Amino acid sequence: MTGRLGLFGGTFDPPHLGHTHIARAFADELDLDTVIFLPAGDPYHKAAPSTPAAHRLAMTQLAAQADPRFAVSDLDTVRGGTTYTADTVRIFRQHYPAAELWWLMGADSLAALHTWKDWPSIVRQTRIAAAARSGFALSALPSELHAWAAQALNDGSLHLLSAPLSDISSTDIRGRLKNGQHTGGLLDPAVAAYIRRHKLYGGSPENV
């Protein structure tokens, strides 16, 4: 695969319309040929997902049908043990040496990038695109990232997305489902149907 490829990691527990909205914005603004969703296996820098990887992968595949530029990889769900972004990026770089790779993230993840295992390897092998929340400023980044961010902005390997992040949250959706509240307008209908069918997240299936 050549061209421009965006890698979009996350627990996707569950994947929601905010995820597909921001993936579409990344694709439009960066002129990406493909955005590959990467449901996490056992991410080391986040709490363990509450839903088995097989369900999260299946739901993400359903959500990805929303745009022909979207695809889904099971790379991080089939690897045993803790998964590290540095290894994921290295594998994609080995498989697609001619592609222009972008790692897609939110500004909160960008601010914590220096805590990720082998983060200098990540930024050597892929460009970084971050979706910033309102009021975010690069000057607020930790000092460990200042030199890299300044250089990366200058050479184009760091891009701040102009489209705002969605306020939709997987945590909020799980809470709504558990408490029997409606989730209308937050989930793709195919994802909602999957949750009902498999009785995920508790609560009342008719409210999904």
C-alpha atoms as a PDB file:
ATOM      1  CA  MET A   1       0.000   0.000   0.000  1.00  0.00           C
ATOM      2  CA  THR A   2       1.277   3.439  -0.909  1.00  0.00           C
ATOM      3  CA  GLY A   3      -0.272   6.863  -0.483  1.00  0.00           C
ATOM      4  CA  ARG A   4      -1.375   8.482   2.773  1.00  0.00           C
ATOM      5  CA  LEU A   5      -2.455   6.178   5.581  1.00  0.00           C
ATOM      6  CA  GLY A   6      -3.921   7.190   8.952  1.00  0.00           C
ATOM      7  CA  LEU A   7      -3.691   4.860  11.946  1.00  0.00           C
ATOM      8  CA  PHE A   8      -6.436   5.457  14.519  1.00  0.00           C
ATOM      9  CA  GLY A   9      -5.973   3.514  17.738  1.00  0.00           C
ATOM     10  CA  GLY A  10      -8.415   3.294  20.616  1.00  0.00           C
ATOM     11  CA  THR A  11     -10.340   0.934  22.846  1.00  0.00           C
ATOM     12  CA  PHE A  12     -13.578   1.641  20.899  1.00  0.00           C
ATOM     13  CA  ASP A  13     -15.660   0.423  23.825  1.00  0.00           C
ATOM     14  CA  PRO A  14     -18.006   1.034  22.082  1.00  0.00           C
ATOM     15  CA  PRO A  15     -17.142   2.846  18.838  1.00  0.00           C
ATOM     16  CA  HIS A  16     -19.472   5.827  18.443  1.00  0.00           C
ATOM     17  CA  LEU A  17     -20.355   8.554  15.983  1.00  0.00           C
ATOM     18  CA  GLY A  18     -17.727  10.827  17.502  1.00  0.00           C
ATOM     19  CA  HIS A  19     -15.050   8.357  16.416  1.00  0.00           C
ATOM     20  CA  THR A  20     -16.257   8.224  12.824  1.00  0.00           C
ATOM     21  CA  HIS A  21     -16.760  12.007  12.768  1.00  0.00           C
ATOM     22  CA  ILE A  22     -13.165  12.723  13.763  1.00  0.00           C
ATOM     23  CA  ALA A  23     -11.784   9.962  11.508  1.00  0.00           C
ATOM     24  CA  ARG A  24     -13.611  11.561   8.578  1.00  0.00           C
ATOM     25  CA  ALA A  25     -12.235  14.976   9.551  1.00  0.00           C
ATOM     26  CA  PHE A  26      -8.696  13.563   9.676  1.00  0.00           C
ATOM     27  CA  ALA A  27      -9.172  11.943   6.259  1.00  0.00           C
ATOM     28  CA  ASP A  28     -10.547  15.145   4.723  1.00  0.00           C
ATOM     29  CA  GLU A  29      -7.993  17.541   6.185  1.00  0.00           C
ATOM     30  CA  LEU A  30      -4.919  15.359   5.630  1.00  0.00           C
ATOM     31  CA  ASP A  31      -6.149  13.967   2.298  1.00  0.00           C
ATOM     32  CA  LEU A  32      -5.764  10.425   3.607  1.00  0.00           C
ATOM     33  CA  ASP A  33      -6.463   7.511   1.295  1.00  0.00           C
ATOM     34  CA  THR A  34      -7.341   5.220   4.201  1.00  0.00           C
ATOM     35  CA  VAL A  35      -7.993   5.516   7.922  1.00  0.00           C
ATOM     36  CA  ILE A  36      -7.333   2.220   9.699  1.00  0.00           C
ATOM     37  CA  PHE A  37      -9.104   1.779  13.039  1.00  0.00           C
ATOM     38  CA  LEU A  38      -7.004  -0.241  15.484  1.00  0.00           C
ATOM     39  CA  PRO A  39      -9.050  -1.544  18.437  1.00  0.00           C
ATOM     40  CA  ALA A  40      -6.695  -2.001  21.366  1.00  0.00           C
ATOM     41  CA  GLY A  41      -5.844  -5.316  22.903  1.00  0.00           C
ATOM     42  CA  ASP A  42      -4.335  -4.675  26.341  1.00  0.00           C
ATOM     43  CA  PRO A  43      -3.214  -1.027  26.229  1.00  0.00           C
ATOM     44  CA  TYR A  44      -0.563  -0.283  28.856  1.00  0.00           C
ATOM     45  CA  HIS A  45      -1.427   3.409  29.342  1.00  0.00           C
ATOM     46  CA  LYS A  46      -5.195   2.981  29.791  1.00  0.00           C
ATOM     47  CA  ALA A  47      -7.497   0.946  31.987  1.00  0.00           C
ATOM     48  CA  ALA A  48      -8.323  -2.463  30.552  1.00  0.00           C
ATOM     49  CA  PRO A  49     -11.383  -2.359  28.249  1.00  0.00           C
ATOM     50  CA  SER A  50     -14.589  -3.614  29.835  1.00  0.00           C
ATOM     51  CA  THR A  51     -15.654  -5.507  26.699  1.00  0.00           C
ATOM     52  CA  PRO A  52     -13.833  -8.460  25.097  1.00  0.00           C
ATOM     53  CA  ALA A  53     -11.698  -7.590  22.096  1.00  0.00           C
ATOM     54  CA  ALA A  54     -13.775  -9.745  19.727  1.00  0.00           C
ATOM     55  CA  HIS A  55     -16.882  -7.649  20.408  1.00  0.00           C
ATOM     56  CA  ARG A  56     -15.016  -4.340  20.143  1.00  0.00           C
ATOM     57  CA  LEU A  57     -13.442  -5.450  16.868  1.00  0.00           C
ATOM     58  CA  ALA A  58     -16.810  -6.520  15.451  1.00  0.00           C
ATOM     59  CA  MET A  59     -18.478  -3.256  16.475  1.00  0.00           C
ATOM     60  CA  THR A  60     -15.633  -1.227  14.981  1.00  0.00           C
ATOM     61  CA  GLN A  61     -15.966  -3.118  11.710  1.00  0.00           C
ATOM     62  CA  LEU A  62     -19.642  -2.180  11.636  1.00  0.00           C
ATOM     63  CA  ALA A  63     -18.891   1.473  12.428  1.00  0.00           C
ATOM     64  CA  ALA A  64     -16.225   1.605   9.719  1.00  0.00           C
ATOM     65  CA  GLN A  65     -18.813   0.871   7.041  1.00  0.00           C
ATOM     66  CA  ALA A  66     -19.775   4.544   7.304  1.00  0.00           C
ATOM     67  CA  ASP A  67     -17.044   5.673   4.891  1.00  0.00           C
ATOM     68  CA  PRO A  68     -15.256   3.830   2.048  1.00  0.00           C
ATOM     69  CA  ARG A  69     -11.963   5.292   3.259  1.00  0.00           C
ATOM     70  CA  PHE A  70     -12.280   3.450   6.578  1.00  0.00           C
ATOM     71  CA  ALA A  71     -10.784   0.048   7.337  1.00  0.00           C
ATOM     72  CA  VAL A  72     -10.192  -1.976  10.507  1.00  0.00           C
ATOM     73  CA  SER A  73      -7.129  -3.956  11.606  1.00  0.00           C
ATOM     74  CA  ASP A  74      -7.094  -6.668  14.256  1.00  0.00           C
ATOM     75  CA  LEU A  75      -3.330  -6.254  14.744  1.00  0.00           C
ATOM     76  CA  ASP A  76      -3.523  -5.062  18.353  1.00  0.00           C
ATOM     77  CA  THR A  77      -6.283  -7.459  19.381  1.00  0.00           C
ATOM     78  CA  VAL A  78      -4.577 -10.645  18.181  1.00  0.00           C
ATOM     79  CA  ARG A  79      -1.169  -9.867  19.673  1.00  0.00           C
ATOM     80  CA  GLY A  80      -0.759 -11.458  23.070  1.00  0.00           C
ATOM     81  CA  GLY A  81      -0.002  -9.438  26.181  1.00  0.00           C
ATOM     82  CA  THR A  82       0.405  -5.694  26.465  1.00  0.00           C
ATOM     83  CA  THR A  83       0.377  -3.815  23.171  1.00  0.00           C
ATOM     84  CA  TYR A  84       2.588  -0.805  22.549  1.00  0.00           C
ATOM     85  CA  THR A  85       2.013   1.872  19.923  1.00  0.00           C
ATOM     86  CA  ALA A  86       5.715   1.843  19.047  1.00  0.00           C
ATOM     87  CA  ASP A  87       5.431  -1.825  18.013  1.00  0.00           C
ATOM     88  CA  THR A  88       2.208  -1.191  16.074  1.00  0.00           C
ATOM     89  CA  VAL A  89       3.794   1.645  14.122  1.00  0.00           C
ATOM     90  CA  ARG A  90       6.926  -0.413  13.456  1.00  0.00           C
ATOM     91  CA  ILE A  91       4.841  -3.284  12.030  1.00  0.00           C
ATOM     92  CA  PHE A  92       2.893  -0.952   9.747  1.00  0.00           C
ATOM     93  CA  ARG A  93       6.102   0.726   8.619  1.00  0.00           C
ATOM     94  CA  GLN A  94       7.578  -2.680   7.742  1.00  0.00           C
ATOM     95  CA  HIS A  95       4.482  -3.695   5.788  1.00  0.00           C
ATOM     96  CA  TYR A  96       3.983  -0.347   4.045  1.00  0.00           C
ATOM     97  CA  PRO A  97       7.459   1.158   3.625  1.00  0.00           C
ATOM     98  CA  ALA A  98       6.368   3.537   0.868  1.00  0.00           C
ATOM     99  CA  ALA A  99       3.265   4.886   2.612  1.00  0.00           C
ATOM    100  CA  GLU A 100       3.044   8.246   4.353  1.00  0.00           C
ATOM    101  CA  LEU A 101       1.915   7.151   7.805  1.00  0.00           C
ATOM    102  CA  TRP A 102      -0.027   9.343  10.225  1.00  0.00           C
ATOM    103  CA  TRP A 103      -0.890   8.416  13.803  1.00  0.00           C
ATOM    104  CA  LEU A 104      -4.202  10.028  14.725  1.00  0.00           C
ATOM    105  CA  MET A 105      -4.898  11.054  18.323  1.00  0.00           C
ATOM    106  CA  GLY A 106      -6.626  13.557  20.565  1.00  0.00           C
ATOM    107  CA  ALA A 107      -4.836  16.469  22.175  1.00  0.00           C
ATOM    108  CA  ASP A 108      -4.973  14.747  25.573  1.00  0.00           C
ATOM    109  CA  SER A 109      -2.949  11.868  24.140  1.00  0.00           C
ATOM    110  CA  LEU A 110      -0.551  14.303  22.488  1.00  0.00           C
ATOM    111  CA  ALA A 111       0.094  15.933  25.872  1.00  0.00           C
ATOM    112  CA  ALA A 112       0.998  12.516  27.311  1.00  0.00           C
ATOM    113  CA  LEU A 113       3.027  11.314  24.314  1.00  0.00           C
ATOM    114  CA  HIS A 114       6.328  11.550  26.202  1.00  0.00           C
ATOM    115  CA  THR A 115       5.038   8.876  28.625  1.00  0.00           C
ATOM    116  CA  TRP A 116       4.439   6.331  25.847  1.00  0.00           C
ATOM    117  CA  LYS A 117       6.972   3.552  25.548  1.00  0.00           C
ATOM    118  CA  ASP A 118       9.739   4.472  23.078  1.00  0.00           C
ATOM    119  CA  TRP A 119       7.897   7.592  21.928  1.00  0.00           C
ATOM    120  CA  PRO A 120      10.902   8.918  19.948  1.00  0.00           C
ATOM    121  CA  SER A 121      10.652   5.791  17.780  1.00  0.00           C
ATOM    122  CA  ILE A 122       6.974   6.533  17.147  1.00  0.00           C
ATOM    123  CA  VAL A 123       7.604  10.079  15.909  1.00  0.00           C
ATOM    124  CA  ARG A 124      10.531   8.910  13.753  1.00  0.00           C
ATOM    125  CA  GLN A 125       8.390   6.369  11.920  1.00  0.00           C
ATOM    126  CA  THR A 126       5.077   8.183  11.571  1.00  0.00           C
ATOM    127  CA  ARG A 127       3.690  11.707  11.479  1.00  0.00           C
ATOM    128  CA  ILE A 128       1.369  12.816  14.262  1.00  0.00           C
ATOM    129  CA  ALA A 129      -2.038  14.428  13.771  1.00  0.00           C
ATOM    130  CA  ALA A 130      -3.868  15.635  16.867  1.00  0.00           C
ATOM    131  CA  ALA A 131      -7.451  16.806  17.260  1.00  0.00           C
ATOM    132  CA  ALA A 132      -7.413  19.614  19.803  1.00  0.00           C
ATOM    133  CA  ARG A 133     -10.150  20.455  22.247  1.00  0.00           C
ATOM    134  CA  SER A 134     -11.242  24.078  22.639  1.00  0.00           C
ATOM    135  CA  GLY A 135      -8.592  26.177  24.365  1.00  0.00           C
ATOM    136  CA  PHE A 136      -5.734  23.754  23.682  1.00  0.00           C
ATOM    137  CA  ALA A 137      -2.351  25.391  23.064  1.00  0.00           C
ATOM    138  CA  LEU A 138       0.965  23.791  22.168  1.00  0.00           C
ATOM    139  CA  SER A 139       2.580  25.952  24.827  1.00  0.00           C
ATOM    140  CA  ALA A 140       0.724  23.812  27.368  1.00  0.00           C
ATOM    141  CA  LEU A 141       2.574  20.680  26.296  1.00  0.00           C
ATOM    142  CA  PRO A 142       5.007  19.220  28.849  1.00  0.00           C
ATOM    143  CA  SER A 143       8.552  20.533  28.570  1.00  0.00           C
ATOM    144  CA  GLU A 144       9.733  17.095  27.408  1.00  0.00           C
ATOM    145  CA  LEU A 145       7.821  17.633  24.143  1.00  0.00           C
ATOM    146  CA  HIS A 146       8.647  21.276  23.416  1.00  0.00           C
ATOM    147  CA  ALA A 147      11.720  20.754  21.235  1.00  0.00           C
ATOM    148  CA  TRP A 148      10.143  17.924  19.253  1.00  0.00           C
ATOM    149  CA  ALA A 149       6.830  19.757  18.751  1.00  0.00           C
ATOM    150  CA  ALA A 150       8.539  22.927  17.514  1.00  0.00           C
ATOM    151  CA  GLN A 151      10.619  20.986  14.993  1.00  0.00           C
ATOM    152  CA  ALA A 152       7.715  18.750  13.961  1.00  0.00           C
ATOM    153  CA  LEU A 153       5.425  21.709  13.303  1.00  0.00           C
ATOM    154  CA  ASN A 154       8.160  23.306  11.235  1.00  0.00           C
ATOM    155  CA  ASP A 155       8.790  20.237   9.071  1.00  0.00           C
ATOM    156  CA  GLY A 156       5.125  19.191   8.788  1.00  0.00           C
ATOM    157  CA  SER A 157       5.343  15.962  10.773  1.00  0.00           C
ATOM    158  CA  LEU A 158       2.940  17.315  13.417  1.00  0.00           C
ATOM    159  CA  HIS A 159      -0.476  18.597  12.386  1.00  0.00           C
ATOM    160  CA  LEU A 160      -3.188  20.067  14.598  1.00  0.00           C
ATOM    161  CA  LEU A 161      -6.608  19.292  13.184  1.00  0.00           C
ATOM    162  CA  SER A 162      -8.817  22.332  12.692  1.00  0.00           C
ATOM    163  CA  ALA A 163     -12.051  20.351  13.157  1.00  0.00           C
ATOM    164  CA  PRO A 164     -13.137  20.270  16.816  1.00  0.00           C
ATOM    165  CA  LEU A 165     -13.352  17.056  18.797  1.00  0.00           C
ATOM    166  CA  SER A 166     -16.802  15.639  19.428  1.00  0.00           C
ATOM    167  CA  ASP A 167     -18.149  15.681  22.976  1.00  0.00           C
ATOM    168  CA  ILE A 168     -19.378  12.086  22.589  1.00  0.00           C
ATOM    169  CA  SER A 169     -17.662   9.738  25.032  1.00  0.00           C
ATOM    170  CA  SER A 170     -17.550   5.943  25.203  1.00  0.00           C
ATOM    171  CA  THR A 171     -17.494   6.240  28.998  1.00  0.00           C
ATOM    172  CA  ASP A 172     -20.688   8.293  28.922  1.00  0.00           C
ATOM    173  CA  ILE A 173     -22.342   5.823  26.535  1.00  0.00           C
ATOM    174  CA  ARG A 174     -21.464   2.878  28.766  1.00  0.00           C
ATOM    175  CA  GLY A 175     -22.907   4.755  31.732  1.00  0.00           C
ATOM    176  CA  ARG A 176     -26.098   5.525  29.831  1.00  0.00           C
ATOM    177  CA  LEU A 177     -26.506   1.898  28.809  1.00  0.00           C
ATOM    178  CA  LYS A 178     -25.866   0.626  32.327  1.00  0.00           C
ATOM    179  CA  ASN A 179     -28.420   3.070  33.748  1.00  0.00           C
ATOM    180  CA  GLY A 180     -31.064   2.328  31.127  1.00  0.00           C
ATOM    181  CA  GLN A 181     -30.809   5.730  29.446  1.00  0.00           C
ATOM    182  CA  HIS A 182     -31.271   6.268  25.724  1.00  0.00           C
ATOM    183  CA  THR A 183     -28.247   6.588  23.432  1.00  0.00           C
ATOM    184  CA  GLY A 184     -30.062   7.999  20.405  1.00  0.00           C
ATOM    185  CA  GLY A 185     -27.784   9.941  18.065  1.00  0.00           C
ATOM    186  CA  LEU A 186     -24.588   8.636  19.643  1.00  0.00           C
ATOM    187  CA  LEU A 187     -24.143   5.244  17.952  1.00  0.00           C
ATOM    188  CA  ASP A 188     -24.282   3.977  14.400  1.00  0.00           C
ATOM    189  CA  PRO A 189     -27.518   1.960  14.042  1.00  0.00           C
ATOM    190  CA  ALA A 190     -25.540  -1.178  13.149  1.00  0.00           C
ATOM    191  CA  VAL A 191     -23.440  -0.819  16.305  1.00  0.00           C
ATOM    192  CA  ALA A 192     -26.566  -0.227  18.410  1.00  0.00           C
ATOM    193  CA  ALA A 193     -28.154  -3.358  16.951  1.00  0.00           C
ATOM    194  CA  TYR A 194     -25.023  -5.369  17.764  1.00  0.00           C
ATOM    195  CA  ILE A 195     -25.081  -4.167  21.372  1.00  0.00           C
ATOM    196  CA  ARG A 196     -28.751  -5.157  21.677  1.00  0.00           C
ATOM    197  CA  ARG A 197     -28.172  -8.543  20.093  1.00  0.00           C
ATOM    198  CA  HIS A 198     -25.263  -9.421  22.375  1.00  0.00           C
ATOM    199  CA  LYS A 199     -26.681  -7.717  25.480  1.00  0.00           C
ATOM    200  CA  LEU A 200     -23.536  -5.685  26.061  1.00  0.00           C
ATOM    201  CA  TYR A 201     -23.033  -3.086  28.794  1.00  0.00           C
ATOM    202  CA  GLY A 202     -26.109  -4.051  30.824  1.00  0.00           C
ATOM    203  CA  GLY A 203     -29.230  -1.940  31.152  1.00  0.00           C
ATOM    204  CA  SER A 204     -32.272  -2.069  28.888  1.00  0.00           C
ATOM    205  CA  PRO A 205     -31.572  -3.216  25.308  1.00  0.00           C
ATOM    206  CA  GLU A 206     -34.509  -1.211  23.957  1.00  0.00           C
ATOM    207  CA  ASN A 207     -32.735   2.025  24.973  1.00  0.00           C
ATOM    208  CA  VAL A 208     -29.685   1.402  22.800  1.00  0.00           C
END
